[in-house]
Amino acid sequence: MKKGEIYKIKIEDYKFPNRGLGYLEDKVIEVKNTMPEQVVSAKIIKKRRGKVKADFVKLEERAPYEREQLCQHFGICGGCLIQTMPYPMQLEHKSKIVKDILDNIIHEDYLFEDILPSPKSIEYRNKMEFSFGDEYKNGPLSLGMHRRGRFYEVVTTYDCILGDQDFREILKATLEYCLGNNYPYFHRKRHIGLLRHFVVRKAE
């Protein structure tokens, strides 16, 4: 196994935050933004003290339980990493993450109750925090969510399903206004520009 090389890895388990666990040459490999039973191509980026970390490159095989994506931005946007996992399984998945964390800090018996499911699994948010930026270097202004695994790239999420239609229309109108007035986004490295974040809250 060499740093910088790309390997095909089957994800066997998961740990917080957003790290799938697979095995290669009898070593545990952490691959961000993956789910159990997926087969992925991943690039080795760090080997230290017996720990190996890799960047997700490509999905080779979907997990057998995965459903069709609900949002056209899924896979590009980093906002909904387990969207293709059925909702009941998402609850089990998140319960396991929380319990694993608690087991590491509570060393006696305790009562662990199930997560209460939401009546809505899409369009449930009453607050959205969007970022300004560009989708590629020196590209036009964008407004939305960060690209999956890319801190400096922002995908315009016109059809994001975390919020309802009001959020989508406000995002579109705001972006059109800013583009029409040539407002620049704030460049994090050069510290120039104007627009950073856009927060929308809806009362019901």
Protein backbone atom coordinates (compact mmCIF):
# COMPACT_ATOMS: atom_id res chain seq x y z
CA MET A 1 0.00 0.00 0.00
CA LYS A 2 1.50 3.34 -1.08
CA LYS A 3 0.57 6.91 -0.29
CA GLY A 4 -0.95 8.61 -3.34
CA GLU A 5 -2.10 5.32 -4.91
CA ILE A 6 -5.76 4.55 -5.60
CA TYR A 7 -7.28 1.28 -4.36
CA LYS A 8 -10.69 -0.36 -4.52
CA ILE A 9 -12.08 -0.80 -0.99
CA LYS A 10 -15.28 -2.31 0.38
CA ILE A 11 -16.69 -0.28 3.27
CA GLU A 12 -17.51 -2.58 6.20
CA ASP A 13 -18.39 -0.18 9.02
CA TYR A 14 -18.81 3.48 9.88
CA LYS A 15 -17.69 5.91 12.56
CA PHE A 16 -18.30 9.53 13.43
CA PRO A 17 -17.85 11.91 11.68
CA ASN A 18 -18.73 10.65 8.18
CA ARG A 19 -15.95 8.07 7.94
CA GLY A 20 -16.44 4.68 6.38
CA LEU A 21 -14.11 1.88 7.47
CA GLY A 22 -12.70 -0.71 5.10
CA TYR A 23 -9.77 -3.13 5.08
CA LEU A 24 -6.72 -3.37 2.87
CA GLU A 25 -3.66 -5.51 3.52
CA ASP A 26 -4.99 -6.23 7.04
CA LYS A 27 -5.14 -2.53 7.86
CA VAL A 28 -8.19 -0.42 8.65
CA ILE A 29 -8.72 2.32 6.05
CA GLU A 30 -10.81 5.42 6.83
CA VAL A 31 -12.64 6.84 3.81
CA LYS A 32 -14.66 10.01 4.35
CA ASN A 33 -18.24 10.34 3.07
CA THR A 34 -18.94 6.66 2.42
CA MET A 35 -21.52 4.17 3.70
CA PRO A 36 -21.32 0.51 4.79
CA GLU A 37 -21.40 -2.09 1.97
CA GLN A 38 -20.39 0.39 -0.72
CA VAL A 39 -17.36 -0.44 -2.87
CA VAL A 40 -15.33 2.67 -3.62
CA SER A 41 -12.09 3.77 -5.20
CA ALA A 42 -10.07 5.77 -2.68
CA LYS A 43 -6.71 7.53 -2.71
CA ILE A 44 -4.37 6.92 0.23
CA ILE A 45 -3.49 10.32 1.73
CA LYS A 46 -2.08 9.55 5.17
CA LYS A 47 -0.29 6.65 6.88
CA ARG A 48 0.72 7.25 10.46
CA ARG A 49 1.00 5.09 13.59
CA GLY A 50 -0.92 2.24 12.05
CA LYS A 51 -3.77 4.51 10.90
CA VAL A 52 -4.52 4.92 7.21
CA LYS A 53 -6.77 7.63 5.75
CA ALA A 54 -8.00 7.87 2.17
CA ASP A 55 -9.97 10.32 0.05
CA PHE A 56 -13.08 9.14 -1.78
CA VAL A 57 -12.47 9.09 -5.55
CA LYS A 58 -15.32 7.15 -7.13
CA LEU A 59 -18.28 4.97 -6.20
CA GLU A 60 -17.73 1.57 -7.82
CA GLU A 61 -20.72 -0.34 -6.41
CA ARG A 62 -23.71 0.89 -4.47
CA ALA A 63 -24.76 -0.81 -1.25
CA PRO A 64 -27.63 -3.27 -1.83
CA TYR A 65 -30.00 -1.29 0.40
CA GLU A 66 -29.52 2.07 -1.37
CA ARG A 67 -32.53 3.77 -2.94
CA GLU A 68 -32.56 6.28 -5.80
CA GLN A 69 -31.36 9.76 -4.94
CA LEU A 70 -34.08 12.28 -4.10
CA CYS A 71 -32.14 15.41 -5.08
CA GLN A 72 -30.35 16.21 -8.33
CA HIS A 73 -27.40 17.65 -6.39
CA PHE A 74 -26.72 14.46 -4.44
CA GLY A 75 -23.18 13.17 -4.88
CA ILE A 76 -21.88 16.61 -5.83
CA CYS A 77 -23.17 18.60 -2.88
CA GLY A 78 -21.87 17.66 0.56
CA GLY A 79 -25.13 18.43 2.36
CA CYS A 80 -26.85 14.99 2.38
CA LEU A 81 -24.28 12.23 2.63
CA ILE A 82 -26.65 9.34 3.43
CA GLN A 83 -29.67 10.41 1.37
CA THR A 84 -29.79 7.12 -0.54
CA MET A 85 -30.07 5.17 2.71
CA PRO A 86 -33.74 4.43 3.58
CA TYR A 87 -34.95 6.64 6.42
CA PRO A 88 -35.54 3.83 9.00
CA MET A 89 -31.98 2.66 8.34
CA GLN A 90 -30.71 6.24 8.72
CA LEU A 91 -32.18 6.28 12.23
CA GLU A 92 -30.48 2.99 13.12
CA HIS A 93 -27.24 4.29 11.63
CA LYS A 94 -27.33 7.52 13.66
CA SER A 95 -28.34 5.68 16.84
CA LYS A 96 -25.29 3.45 16.50
CA ILE A 97 -23.01 6.48 16.06
CA VAL A 98 -24.37 8.17 19.19
CA LYS A 99 -24.25 4.97 21.24
CA ASP A 100 -20.66 4.23 20.19
CA ILE A 101 -19.63 7.72 21.36
CA LEU A 102 -21.47 7.34 24.69
CA ASP A 103 -20.01 3.88 25.27
CA ASN A 104 -16.54 5.41 25.13
CA ILE A 105 -17.28 7.91 27.91
CA ILE A 106 -19.89 6.15 30.08
CA HIS A 107 -18.45 3.11 31.80
CA GLU A 108 -21.57 1.83 33.52
CA ASP A 109 -25.02 0.62 32.51
CA TYR A 110 -27.33 3.29 31.10
CA LEU A 111 -30.68 3.51 29.33
CA PHE A 112 -30.33 4.30 25.63
CA GLU A 113 -33.61 5.20 23.95
CA ASP A 114 -34.29 5.14 20.22
CA ILE A 115 -34.27 8.31 18.13
CA LEU A 116 -37.74 9.77 17.66
CA PRO A 117 -38.40 9.81 13.89
CA SER A 118 -39.37 13.01 12.15
CA PRO A 119 -42.77 13.07 10.41
CA LYS A 120 -40.96 14.57 7.40
CA SER A 121 -37.74 13.25 5.87
CA ILE A 122 -37.48 15.99 3.21
CA GLU A 123 -38.25 19.73 3.30
CA TYR A 124 -38.12 19.62 7.10
CA ARG A 125 -35.71 22.48 7.85
CA ASN A 126 -36.90 25.89 8.99
CA LYS A 127 -33.38 27.34 8.73
CA MET A 128 -30.81 27.06 5.95
CA GLU A 129 -27.25 28.37 5.92
CA PHE A 130 -25.85 28.84 2.42
CA SER A 131 -22.37 29.90 1.32
CA PHE A 132 -21.22 32.18 -1.49
CA GLY A 133 -18.30 31.13 -3.66
CA ASP A 134 -17.66 29.57 -7.07
CA GLU A 135 -18.01 26.02 -8.38
CA TYR A 136 -14.53 26.10 -9.92
CA LYS A 137 -11.54 28.44 -9.81
CA ASN A 138 -12.41 31.90 -11.19
CA GLY A 139 -15.91 30.71 -12.08
CA PRO A 140 -19.10 32.79 -11.77
CA LEU A 141 -20.64 33.51 -8.38
CA SER A 142 -22.50 30.58 -6.82
CA LEU A 143 -24.72 30.28 -3.76
CA GLY A 144 -25.53 27.05 -2.02
CA MET A 145 -23.66 24.23 -0.28
CA HIS A 146 -20.01 23.20 -0.34
CA ARG A 147 -19.04 20.62 -2.92
CA ARG A 148 -18.55 17.17 -1.42
CA GLY A 149 -15.06 17.04 0.06
CA ARG A 150 -14.12 20.52 -1.23
CA PHE A 151 -14.03 23.38 1.27
CA TYR A 152 -13.38 26.13 -1.29
CA GLU A 153 -15.95 25.11 -3.93
CA VAL A 154 -19.66 25.94 -3.64
CA VAL A 155 -22.45 24.26 -5.62
CA THR A 156 -25.54 26.32 -6.41
CA THR A 157 -28.28 24.10 -4.97
CA TYR A 158 -31.36 25.36 -6.82
CA ASP A 159 -33.33 22.22 -5.99
CA CYS A 160 -32.13 21.40 -2.47
CA ILE A 161 -34.79 19.35 -0.66
CA LEU A 162 -33.69 20.13 2.91
CA GLY A 163 -35.89 23.23 2.87
CA ASP A 164 -39.17 23.80 1.07
CA GLN A 165 -39.96 25.73 -2.12
CA ASP A 166 -39.72 29.10 -0.34
CA PHE A 167 -36.04 28.49 0.41
CA ARG A 168 -35.36 27.50 -3.20
CA GLU A 169 -37.05 30.60 -4.60
CA ILE A 170 -35.25 32.90 -2.15
CA LEU A 171 -31.88 31.35 -3.03
CA LYS A 172 -32.53 31.79 -6.76
CA ALA A 173 -33.70 35.40 -6.43
CA THR A 174 -30.78 36.32 -4.16
CA LEU A 175 -28.19 34.81 -6.50
CA GLU A 176 -29.71 36.55 -9.52
CA TYR A 177 -29.65 39.90 -7.68
CA CYS A 178 -26.02 39.50 -6.61
CA LEU A 179 -24.94 38.41 -10.08
CA GLY A 180 -26.82 41.34 -11.63
CA ASN A 181 -24.96 43.76 -9.38
CA ASN A 182 -21.56 42.07 -9.81
CA TYR A 183 -21.12 41.53 -6.06
CA PRO A 184 -17.97 39.44 -5.45
CA TYR A 185 -17.80 36.63 -2.93
CA PHE A 186 -15.27 36.82 -0.09
CA HIS A 187 -12.08 35.00 -1.09
CA ARG A 188 -10.89 33.05 1.96
CA LYS A 189 -7.24 32.95 0.92
CA ARG A 190 -6.81 36.45 -0.49
CA HIS A 191 -9.18 38.12 2.02
CA ILE A 192 -10.91 40.24 -0.59
CA GLY A 193 -14.55 40.39 -1.69
CA LEU A 194 -17.90 40.92 -0.02
CA LEU A 195 -20.29 37.97 0.23
CA ARG A 196 -19.71 35.06 2.63
CA HIS A 197 -22.86 33.48 4.06
CA PHE A 198 -26.60 33.69 3.52
CA VAL A 199 -28.89 32.52 6.33
CA VAL A 200 -32.65 32.07 5.82
CA ARG A 201 -35.05 31.23 8.63
CA LYS A 202 -38.75 30.48 8.19
CA ALA A 203 -41.32 30.73 10.98
CA GLU A 204 -44.38 28.47 10.92
